[in-house]
Amino acid sequence: MLFICLFPKTRKRGVGSVEISPNITAEVNNVGELIGIEILNASAFIRNSILESVQAKMLNIVVPSVSKRVTAKQRDKSDRRKSASGGY
Protein backbone atom coordinates (compact mmCIF):
# COMPACT_ATOMS: atom_id res chain seq x y z
CA MET A 1 0.00 0.00 0.00
CA LEU A 2 1.14 3.55 -0.79
CA PHE A 3 -0.39 6.63 0.82
CA ILE A 4 0.36 10.01 -0.73
CA CYS A 5 -0.34 12.79 1.75
CA LEU A 6 -1.06 16.06 -0.06
CA PHE A 7 -0.70 18.27 3.04
CA PRO A 8 2.08 16.70 5.15
CA LYS A 9 2.80 19.78 7.30
CA THR A 10 -0.79 20.65 8.22
CA ARG A 11 -1.63 17.22 9.65
CA LYS A 12 -5.15 17.33 8.28
CA ARG A 13 -7.09 14.22 9.13
CA GLY A 14 -9.23 12.29 6.73
CA VAL A 15 -12.83 11.79 7.70
CA GLY A 16 -13.95 9.98 4.58
CA SER A 17 -12.84 8.25 1.45
CA VAL A 18 -14.00 7.87 -2.13
CA GLU A 19 -13.10 4.81 -4.19
CA ILE A 20 -11.67 6.02 -7.51
CA SER A 21 -10.95 2.54 -8.90
CA PRO A 22 -10.65 -0.93 -7.34
CA ASN A 23 -7.17 -0.20 -5.91
CA ILE A 24 -7.21 3.60 -5.57
CA THR A 25 -8.98 5.53 -2.83
CA ALA A 26 -9.10 9.30 -2.34
CA GLU A 27 -9.07 10.50 1.27
CA VAL A 28 -11.10 13.65 2.01
CA ASN A 29 -11.39 15.98 5.00
CA ASN A 30 -14.57 17.19 6.70
CA VAL A 31 -15.32 19.73 3.94
CA GLY A 32 -14.70 17.28 1.08
CA GLU A 33 -11.22 18.50 0.11
CA LEU A 34 -8.78 15.92 -1.20
CA ILE A 35 -6.03 15.37 1.36
CA GLY A 36 -4.47 12.09 0.28
CA ILE A 37 -4.49 9.17 -2.12
CA GLU A 38 -4.16 5.53 -1.15
CA ILE A 39 -2.98 2.99 -3.72
CA LEU A 40 -3.23 -0.70 -2.90
CA ASN A 41 -0.73 -3.00 -4.63
CA ALA A 42 1.21 0.15 -5.51
CA SER A 43 4.27 -1.67 -6.89
CA ALA A 44 2.22 -3.55 -9.48
CA PHE A 45 0.13 -0.46 -10.25
CA ILE A 46 3.16 1.77 -10.87
CA ARG A 47 5.03 -0.94 -12.81
CA ASN A 48 2.04 -1.54 -15.10
CA SER A 49 1.45 2.19 -15.61
CA ILE A 50 5.08 2.78 -16.54
CA LEU A 51 5.17 -0.25 -18.85
CA GLU A 52 2.02 0.88 -20.66
CA SER A 53 3.40 4.39 -21.08
CA VAL A 54 6.77 3.20 -22.36
CA GLN A 55 5.19 0.69 -24.75
CA ALA A 56 2.88 3.35 -26.16
CA LYS A 57 5.78 5.72 -26.75
CA MET A 58 7.88 2.98 -28.34
CA LEU A 59 5.07 2.06 -30.72
CA ASN A 60 4.78 5.68 -31.85
CA ILE A 61 8.52 5.79 -32.55
CA VAL A 62 8.72 2.45 -34.35
CA VAL A 63 5.60 2.81 -36.50
CA PRO A 64 6.13 5.51 -39.14
CA SER A 65 3.28 7.77 -40.11
CA VAL A 66 1.88 6.17 -43.26
CA SER A 67 -0.78 8.82 -43.79
CA LYS A 68 1.80 11.54 -44.54
CA ARG A 69 3.71 9.54 -47.16
CA VAL A 70 3.02 10.38 -50.77
CA THR A 71 4.31 8.07 -53.44
CA ALA A 72 5.85 9.42 -56.67
CA LYS A 73 2.87 8.04 -58.60
CA GLN A 74 0.40 9.93 -56.35
CA ARG A 75 2.45 13.13 -56.64
CA ASP A 76 2.56 12.86 -60.49
CA LYS A 77 -1.19 12.27 -60.63
CA SER A 78 -1.80 15.32 -58.41
CA ASP A 79 0.57 17.46 -60.54
CA ARG A 80 -1.28 16.44 -63.73
CA ARG A 81 -4.63 17.41 -62.22
CA LYS A 82 -3.30 20.82 -61.13
CA SER A 83 -1.77 21.59 -64.53
CA ALA A 84 -4.91 20.51 -66.39
CA SER A 85 -7.05 22.82 -64.26
CA GLY A 86 -4.55 25.68 -64.30
CA GLY A 87 -3.75 25.17 -60.62
CA TYR A 88 -0.14 26.34 -60.84
C-alpha atoms as a PDB file:
ATOM      1  CA  MET A   1       0.000   0.000   0.000  1.00  0.00           C
ATOM      2  CA  LEU A   2       1.144   3.553  -0.789  1.00  0.00           C
ATOM      3  CA  PHE A   3      -0.392   6.627   0.816  1.00  0.00           C
ATOM      4  CA  ILE A   4       0.355  10.012  -0.727  1.00  0.00           C
ATOM      5  CA  CYS A   5      -0.342  12.788   1.749  1.00  0.00           C
ATOM      6  CA  LEU A   6      -1.061  16.059  -0.062  1.00  0.00           C
ATOM      7  CA  PHE A   7      -0.704  18.267   3.044  1.00  0.00           C
ATOM      8  CA  PRO A   8       2.083  16.699   5.146  1.00  0.00           C
ATOM      9  CA  LYS A   9       2.800  19.778   7.302  1.00  0.00           C
ATOM     10  CA  THR A  10      -0.785  20.650   8.218  1.00  0.00           C
ATOM     11  CA  ARG A  11      -1.626  17.219   9.647  1.00  0.00           C
ATOM     12  CA  LYS A  12      -5.153  17.330   8.284  1.00  0.00           C
ATOM     13  CA  ARG A  13      -7.095  14.223   9.134  1.00  0.00           C
ATOM     14  CA  GLY A  14      -9.229  12.287   6.729  1.00  0.00           C
ATOM     15  CA  VAL A  15     -12.832  11.786   7.696  1.00  0.00           C
ATOM     16  CA  GLY A  16     -13.955   9.981   4.579  1.00  0.00           C
ATOM     17  CA  SER A  17     -12.845   8.250   1.452  1.00  0.00           C
ATOM     18  CA  VAL A  18     -13.997   7.869  -2.126  1.00  0.00           C
ATOM     19  CA  GLU A  19     -13.097   4.813  -4.191  1.00  0.00           C
ATOM     20  CA  ILE A  20     -11.666   6.018  -7.514  1.00  0.00           C
ATOM     21  CA  SER A  21     -10.953   2.542  -8.896  1.00  0.00           C
ATOM     22  CA  PRO A  22     -10.647  -0.926  -7.337  1.00  0.00           C
ATOM     23  CA  ASN A  23      -7.166  -0.201  -5.907  1.00  0.00           C
ATOM     24  CA  ILE A  24      -7.207   3.596  -5.573  1.00  0.00           C
ATOM     25  CA  THR A  25      -8.976   5.534  -2.834  1.00  0.00           C
ATOM     26  CA  ALA A  26      -9.104   9.303  -2.337  1.00  0.00           C
ATOM     27  CA  GLU A  27      -9.067  10.501   1.274  1.00  0.00           C
ATOM     28  CA  VAL A  28     -11.097  13.646   2.010  1.00  0.00           C
ATOM     29  CA  ASN A  29     -11.388  15.984   5.000  1.00  0.00           C
ATOM     30  CA  ASN A  30     -14.574  17.188   6.703  1.00  0.00           C
ATOM     31  CA  VAL A  31     -15.323  19.734   3.940  1.00  0.00           C
ATOM     32  CA  GLY A  32     -14.698  17.284   1.079  1.00  0.00           C
ATOM     33  CA  GLU A  33     -11.216  18.505   0.108  1.00  0.00           C
ATOM     34  CA  LEU A  34      -8.783  15.917  -1.201  1.00  0.00           C
ATOM     35  CA  ILE A  35      -6.034  15.374   1.363  1.00  0.00           C
ATOM     36  CA  GLY A  36      -4.473  12.093   0.279  1.00  0.00           C
ATOM     37  CA  ILE A  37      -4.490   9.175  -2.116  1.00  0.00           C
ATOM     38  CA  GLU A  38      -4.157   5.528  -1.147  1.00  0.00           C
ATOM     39  CA  ILE A  39      -2.979   2.993  -3.723  1.00  0.00           C
ATOM     40  CA  LEU A  40      -3.233  -0.702  -2.898  1.00  0.00           C
ATOM     41  CA  ASN A  41      -0.726  -3.001  -4.628  1.00  0.00           C
ATOM     42  CA  ALA A  42       1.215   0.146  -5.512  1.00  0.00           C
ATOM     43  CA  SER A  43       4.271  -1.672  -6.894  1.00  0.00           C
ATOM     44  CA  ALA A  44       2.221  -3.550  -9.480  1.00  0.00           C
ATOM     45  CA  PHE A  45       0.128  -0.462 -10.253  1.00  0.00           C
ATOM     46  CA  ILE A  46       3.160   1.768 -10.873  1.00  0.00           C
ATOM     47  CA  ARG A  47       5.027  -0.935 -12.807  1.00  0.00           C
ATOM     48  CA  ASN A  48       2.042  -1.536 -15.099  1.00  0.00           C
ATOM     49  CA  SER A  49       1.452   2.194 -15.609  1.00  0.00           C
ATOM     50  CA  ILE A  50       5.080   2.784 -16.538  1.00  0.00           C
ATOM     51  CA  LEU A  51       5.172  -0.250 -18.845  1.00  0.00           C
ATOM     52  CA  GLU A  52       2.024   0.878 -20.664  1.00  0.00           C
ATOM     53  CA  SER A  53       3.402   4.390 -21.081  1.00  0.00           C
ATOM     54  CA  VAL A  54       6.775   3.196 -22.364  1.00  0.00           C
ATOM     55  CA  GLN A  55       5.192   0.687 -24.747  1.00  0.00           C
ATOM     56  CA  ALA A  56       2.877   3.353 -26.162  1.00  0.00           C
ATOM     57  CA  LYS A  57       5.784   5.723 -26.754  1.00  0.00           C
ATOM     58  CA  MET A  58       7.880   2.978 -28.341  1.00  0.00           C
ATOM     59  CA  LEU A  59       5.068   2.065 -30.721  1.00  0.00           C
ATOM     60  CA  ASN A  60       4.777   5.676 -31.851  1.00  0.00           C
ATOM     61  CA  ILE A  61       8.521   5.792 -32.547  1.00  0.00           C
ATOM     62  CA  VAL A  62       8.722   2.452 -34.345  1.00  0.00           C
ATOM     63  CA  VAL A  63       5.603   2.812 -36.498  1.00  0.00           C
ATOM     64  CA  PRO A  64       6.130   5.514 -39.144  1.00  0.00           C
ATOM     65  CA  SER A  65       3.283   7.775 -40.112  1.00  0.00           C
ATOM     66  CA  VAL A  66       1.884   6.170 -43.256  1.00  0.00           C
ATOM     67  CA  SER A  67      -0.783   8.822 -43.793  1.00  0.00           C
ATOM     68  CA  LYS A  68       1.800  11.537 -44.541  1.00  0.00           C
ATOM     69  CA  ARG A  69       3.706   9.538 -47.163  1.00  0.00           C
ATOM     70  CA  VAL A  70       3.023  10.384 -50.774  1.00  0.00           C
ATOM     71  CA  THR A  71       4.314   8.071 -53.445  1.00  0.00           C
ATOM     72  CA  ALA A  72       5.850   9.422 -56.668  1.00  0.00           C
ATOM     73  CA  LYS A  73       2.868   8.043 -58.601  1.00  0.00           C
ATOM     74  CA  GLN A  74       0.399   9.930 -56.352  1.00  0.00           C
ATOM     75  CA  ARG A  75       2.446  13.126 -56.644  1.00  0.00           C
ATOM     76  CA  ASP A  76       2.561  12.862 -60.491  1.00  0.00           C
ATOM     77  CA  LYS A  77      -1.191  12.274 -60.626  1.00  0.00           C
ATOM     78  CA  SER A  78      -1.803  15.324 -58.411  1.00  0.00           C
ATOM     79  CA  ASP A  79       0.568  17.456 -60.540  1.00  0.00           C
ATOM     80  CA  ARG A  80      -1.276  16.441 -63.735  1.00  0.00           C
ATOM     81  CA  ARG A  81      -4.628  17.415 -62.216  1.00  0.00           C
ATOM     82  CA  LYS A  82      -3.302  20.818 -61.135  1.00  0.00           C
ATOM     83  CA  SER A  83      -1.770  21.589 -64.529  1.00  0.00           C
ATOM     84  CA  ALA A  84      -4.913  20.506 -66.385  1.00  0.00           C
ATOM     85  CA  SER A  85      -7.051  22.817 -64.255  1.00  0.00           C
ATOM     86  CA  GLY A  86      -4.552  25.682 -64.299  1.00  0.00           C
ATOM     87  CA  GLY A  87      -3.754  25.170 -60.618  1.00  0.00           C
ATOM     88  CA  TYR A  88      -0.141  26.340 -60.840  1.00  0.00           C
END
